[in-house]
Protein backbone atom coordinates (compact mmCIF):
# COMPACT_ATOMS: atom_id res chain seq x y z
CA SER A 1 42.84 -59.66 35.96
CA LYS A 2 45.93 -61.91 36.61
CA LYS A 3 43.57 -64.78 37.71
CA ALA A 4 41.33 -64.60 34.61
CA LYS A 5 44.42 -64.63 32.44
CA LYS A 6 45.55 -67.96 34.06
CA ILE A 7 41.96 -69.29 33.66
CA TYR A 8 41.59 -68.59 29.99
CA GLN A 9 45.19 -69.72 29.28
CA ALA A 10 44.28 -73.21 31.01
CA GLU A 11 41.38 -73.32 28.60
CA GLY A 12 43.58 -73.22 25.60
CA TYR A 13 43.60 -69.62 24.65
CA ASP A 14 46.95 -68.33 22.89
CA LYS A 15 49.29 -67.28 25.57
CA LYS A 16 51.18 -64.82 23.11
CA LYS A 17 48.03 -62.78 22.76
CA PHE A 18 47.54 -61.90 26.39
CA THR A 19 48.39 -58.27 27.60
CA TYR A 20 47.70 -57.80 31.36
CA ILE A 21 46.52 -54.29 32.10
CA PRO A 22 45.32 -53.66 35.56
CA ASN A 23 42.80 -51.13 36.59
CA GLY A 24 43.85 -47.66 37.31
CA TYR A 25 42.67 -45.09 39.87
CA ASP A 26 42.63 -41.34 40.02
CA ILE A 27 44.65 -40.71 43.15
CA SER A 28 43.95 -37.05 43.19
CA ILE A 29 40.27 -38.06 43.98
CA LEU A 30 40.64 -41.25 45.94
CA LYS A 31 43.02 -40.10 48.89
CA SER A 32 43.18 -39.75 52.75
CA ASP A 33 40.81 -36.84 53.77
CA LYS A 34 40.13 -36.25 57.45
CA ILE A 35 37.13 -33.93 56.75
CA LYS A 36 35.49 -36.76 54.79
CA ARG A 37 36.22 -39.14 57.61
CA LYS A 38 34.72 -36.75 60.15
CA ASN A 39 31.73 -35.99 58.04
CA PHE A 40 30.98 -39.77 57.39
CA ARG A 41 31.23 -40.75 60.96
CA ASN A 42 29.11 -37.70 61.89
CA LYS A 43 26.39 -38.80 59.35
CA ILE A 44 26.14 -42.39 60.81
CA LYS A 45 26.48 -41.14 64.48
CA ILE A 46 29.32 -43.38 65.34
CA LYS A 47 31.04 -43.10 68.80
CA LYS A 48 34.59 -42.15 68.65
CA LYS A 49 36.23 -45.23 70.14
CA ILE A 50 34.45 -47.93 68.32
CA ILE A 51 35.90 -49.78 65.31
CA LEU A 52 34.24 -49.10 62.12
CA ILE A 53 34.14 -51.93 59.57
CA GLY A 54 33.10 -51.40 55.84
CA ASN A 55 31.91 -53.49 52.97
CA VAL A 56 30.93 -51.98 49.60
CA ALA A 57 29.13 -54.64 47.36
CA ARG A 58 25.72 -55.29 45.73
CA TYR A 59 23.66 -58.00 47.27
CA ASP A 60 24.60 -61.05 45.29
CA PRO A 61 25.56 -64.56 46.32
CA LYS A 62 29.16 -64.06 45.14
CA LYS A 63 29.60 -61.12 47.44
CA ASP A 64 29.01 -63.47 50.18
CA HIS A 65 27.38 -60.94 53.01
CA ALA A 66 26.63 -64.07 54.94
CA ASN A 67 30.26 -64.96 55.42
CA LEU A 68 31.07 -61.47 56.76
CA LEU A 69 28.00 -61.52 58.86
CA LYS A 70 28.76 -64.71 60.39
CA ALA A 71 32.42 -63.67 61.13
CA LEU A 72 30.98 -60.55 62.83
CA SER A 73 28.67 -62.73 64.85
CA LEU A 74 31.71 -64.57 66.35
CA LEU A 75 33.33 -61.12 66.99
CA LYS A 76 30.44 -60.11 69.01
CA LEU A 77 30.37 -63.11 71.17
CA LYS A 78 33.72 -62.02 72.14
CA ASN A 79 32.52 -58.83 73.49
CA ASN A 80 34.16 -56.50 70.82
CA ASN A 81 32.85 -53.18 70.36
CA PHE A 82 32.30 -52.62 66.60
CA LEU A 83 30.10 -51.15 63.94
CA CYS A 84 29.84 -52.50 60.48
CA ILE A 85 28.46 -50.42 57.43
CA LEU A 86 27.11 -52.31 54.43
CA VAL A 87 26.75 -50.40 51.33
CA GLY A 88 25.49 -51.39 47.81
CA THR A 89 22.47 -52.02 45.70
CA ASN A 90 19.70 -53.74 47.44
CA VAL A 91 21.75 -53.49 50.75
CA ASN A 92 18.97 -51.72 52.61
CA LYS A 93 15.83 -52.37 55.08
CA ASN A 94 13.85 -53.71 52.18
CA ASN A 95 16.16 -56.67 51.67
CA ILE A 96 14.16 -59.15 53.62
CA GLU A 97 16.70 -62.05 53.41
CA LEU A 98 19.61 -59.84 54.52
CA ASN A 99 17.53 -58.43 57.56
CA SER A 100 16.40 -61.79 58.58
CA LEU A 101 20.16 -62.93 58.80
CA ILE A 102 21.14 -59.87 60.81
CA LYS A 103 18.48 -60.64 63.17
CA LYS A 104 19.16 -64.27 63.36
CA LEU A 105 22.81 -63.53 64.22
CA ASN A 106 22.05 -60.95 66.83
CA LEU A 107 23.58 -58.22 65.06
CA SER A 108 21.01 -55.54 64.65
CA ASN A 109 22.86 -53.23 67.00
CA ASN A 110 26.13 -53.76 65.14
CA ILE A 111 25.13 -53.20 61.58
CA LYS A 112 24.16 -50.28 59.51
CA LEU A 113 22.67 -50.75 55.90
CA LEU A 114 23.18 -47.74 53.95
CA GLY A 115 22.00 -48.93 50.45
CA GLN A 116 23.61 -47.45 47.18
CA ASN A 117 26.06 -44.65 47.89
CA ASN A 118 28.19 -42.85 45.02
CA ASP A 119 30.73 -41.19 47.41
CA ILE A 120 33.14 -43.99 47.62
CA SER A 121 36.01 -41.57 48.78
CA GLU A 122 33.99 -40.52 51.91
CA ILE A 123 32.94 -44.07 52.86
CA MET A 124 36.53 -45.53 52.49
CA ASN A 125 37.84 -42.57 54.62
CA GLY A 126 35.24 -42.91 57.24
CA ILE A 127 35.84 -46.51 57.91
CA ASP A 128 38.76 -48.09 59.76
CA ILE A 129 38.83 -51.45 57.99
CA TYR A 130 37.42 -52.78 54.62
CA VAL A 131 36.45 -56.26 54.29
CA GLN A 132 36.03 -57.85 50.99
CA SER A 133 34.21 -61.23 51.81
CA SER A 134 33.49 -62.61 48.41
CA SER A 135 33.22 -66.43 47.85
CA TYR A 136 33.85 -66.46 44.00
CA GLY A 137 33.38 -64.55 40.82
CA GLU A 138 35.89 -61.72 41.35
CA GLY A 139 38.08 -60.30 38.62
CA PHE A 140 40.05 -57.13 39.81
CA PRO A 141 37.86 -55.76 42.79
CA ASN A 142 37.89 -52.07 42.43
CA VAL A 143 36.68 -51.42 45.97
CA VAL A 144 39.92 -52.81 47.56
CA ALA A 145 42.10 -50.56 45.63
CA GLU A 146 39.71 -47.68 46.24
CA ALA A 147 39.92 -48.27 50.00
CA MET A 148 43.71 -48.54 49.86
CA SER A 149 43.99 -45.29 47.96
CA CYS A 150 42.09 -43.69 50.95
CA GLY A 151 44.86 -45.25 53.29
CA THR A 152 42.41 -47.83 54.49
CA PRO A 153 43.84 -51.30 55.10
CA CYS A 154 41.96 -54.28 53.75
CA ILE A 155 41.02 -57.90 54.68
CA VAL A 156 40.15 -59.97 51.55
CA THR A 157 39.18 -63.29 50.61
CA ASP A 158 41.50 -65.04 48.19
CA VAL A 159 39.17 -64.56 45.11
CA GLY A 160 40.31 -63.00 41.95
CA ASP A 161 43.00 -60.43 42.20
CA ALA A 162 42.15 -59.28 45.71
CA SER A 163 45.25 -61.04 47.30
CA TYR A 164 47.48 -59.38 44.72
CA ILE A 165 46.12 -56.06 45.15
CA VAL A 166 46.65 -56.11 49.03
CA ASP A 167 50.02 -57.80 48.64
CA LYS A 168 51.67 -58.00 52.17
CA ILE A 169 49.94 -54.86 53.31
CA GLY A 170 46.56 -56.47 53.81
CA TRP A 171 45.41 -59.64 55.11
CA VAL A 172 44.23 -62.61 52.95
CA VAL A 173 41.94 -65.31 54.22
CA PRO A 174 40.10 -68.19 52.35
CA PRO A 175 36.75 -67.69 50.98
CA ASN A 176 33.75 -69.34 52.87
CA ASP A 177 35.54 -69.30 56.08
CA GLU A 178 34.10 -67.11 58.71
CA THR A 179 36.16 -68.16 61.53
CA ARG A 180 39.40 -67.32 59.70
CA LEU A 181 37.98 -64.08 58.97
CA PHE A 182 36.75 -63.32 62.28
CA ARG A 183 40.20 -64.28 63.86
CA VAL A 184 41.92 -61.77 61.57
CA ILE A 185 39.56 -58.92 62.25
CA GLU A 186 39.95 -59.58 66.11
CA SER A 187 43.67 -59.71 65.93
CA ILE A 188 44.14 -56.45 64.24
CA ALA A 189 41.38 -54.51 65.96
CA ASN A 190 43.73 -53.31 68.76
CA GLN A 191 46.17 -51.98 66.15
CA ILE A 192 44.09 -49.14 65.02
CA GLY A 193 45.46 -45.73 65.72
CA THR A 194 48.68 -47.06 66.53
CA ASN A 195 52.02 -45.94 64.72
CA LYS A 196 52.08 -49.18 63.23
CA TRP A 197 48.57 -48.95 61.85
CA ASN A 198 49.47 -45.52 60.42
CA LYS A 199 52.25 -46.91 58.69
CA ARG A 200 50.12 -49.56 57.13
CA SER A 201 47.71 -47.03 56.03
CA ASN A 202 50.57 -45.02 54.28
CA ASP A 203 51.81 -48.24 52.89
CA ALA A 204 48.43 -49.10 51.26
CA ARG A 205 48.05 -45.75 49.57
CA LEU A 206 51.50 -45.99 48.40
CA ARG A 207 50.99 -49.45 46.88
CA ILE A 208 48.10 -48.19 44.64
CA ILE A 209 50.14 -45.10 43.71
CA GLN A 210 53.00 -47.03 42.54
CA ASN A 211 51.12 -50.02 40.80
CA PHE A 212 47.75 -48.91 39.94
CA ASN A 213 47.77 -45.26 39.29
CA ILE A 214 45.49 -44.49 36.29
CA LYS A 215 48.47 -43.00 34.32
CA LYS A 216 50.32 -46.32 34.45
CA MET A 217 47.25 -47.91 33.19
CA ILE A 218 46.76 -45.45 30.26
């Protein structure tokens, strides 16, 4: 990642020996798909007019699920109608710590824990907004690029190369700041489905095609 390159150079590694190669993605697999979108939303039994937010990350302090959940609790206090799906290893009903926090924040009816899922394309097509809420430890977060490949706009914390991936097409907030994250989610919620939103979705995919295509990586 660009961020890692800066960190290691600051530690004294020889700048001349660095070559930056961003991750690349198979855009023939990761793409917009209306059938996958419909299938996923049918699986989780979501109402048509509700906002669907997604996060894909293993349960780990650096992924900061708490930051996202606190932001969503603020969103709920403002009477916003939404559902958030959390996907990843140990993100399930057996995770006592996670479930306790969801209950404490009064989000039991707004959160679905789906555990590990290998069909990332279906998930990214199914959701309206992808949120990367990490607090530290990211390099080049694949899930952000995967979401954008499927035409799903992203909100990310400024950790690792997330801000570089989304560029001006997505939204960047500081880590560990649930209030800023909440405000961005709330401010863009009413854009979903508009022509402006559709253009942003197309631009998100185009950025991955132009900058992070697997052919370019090779």
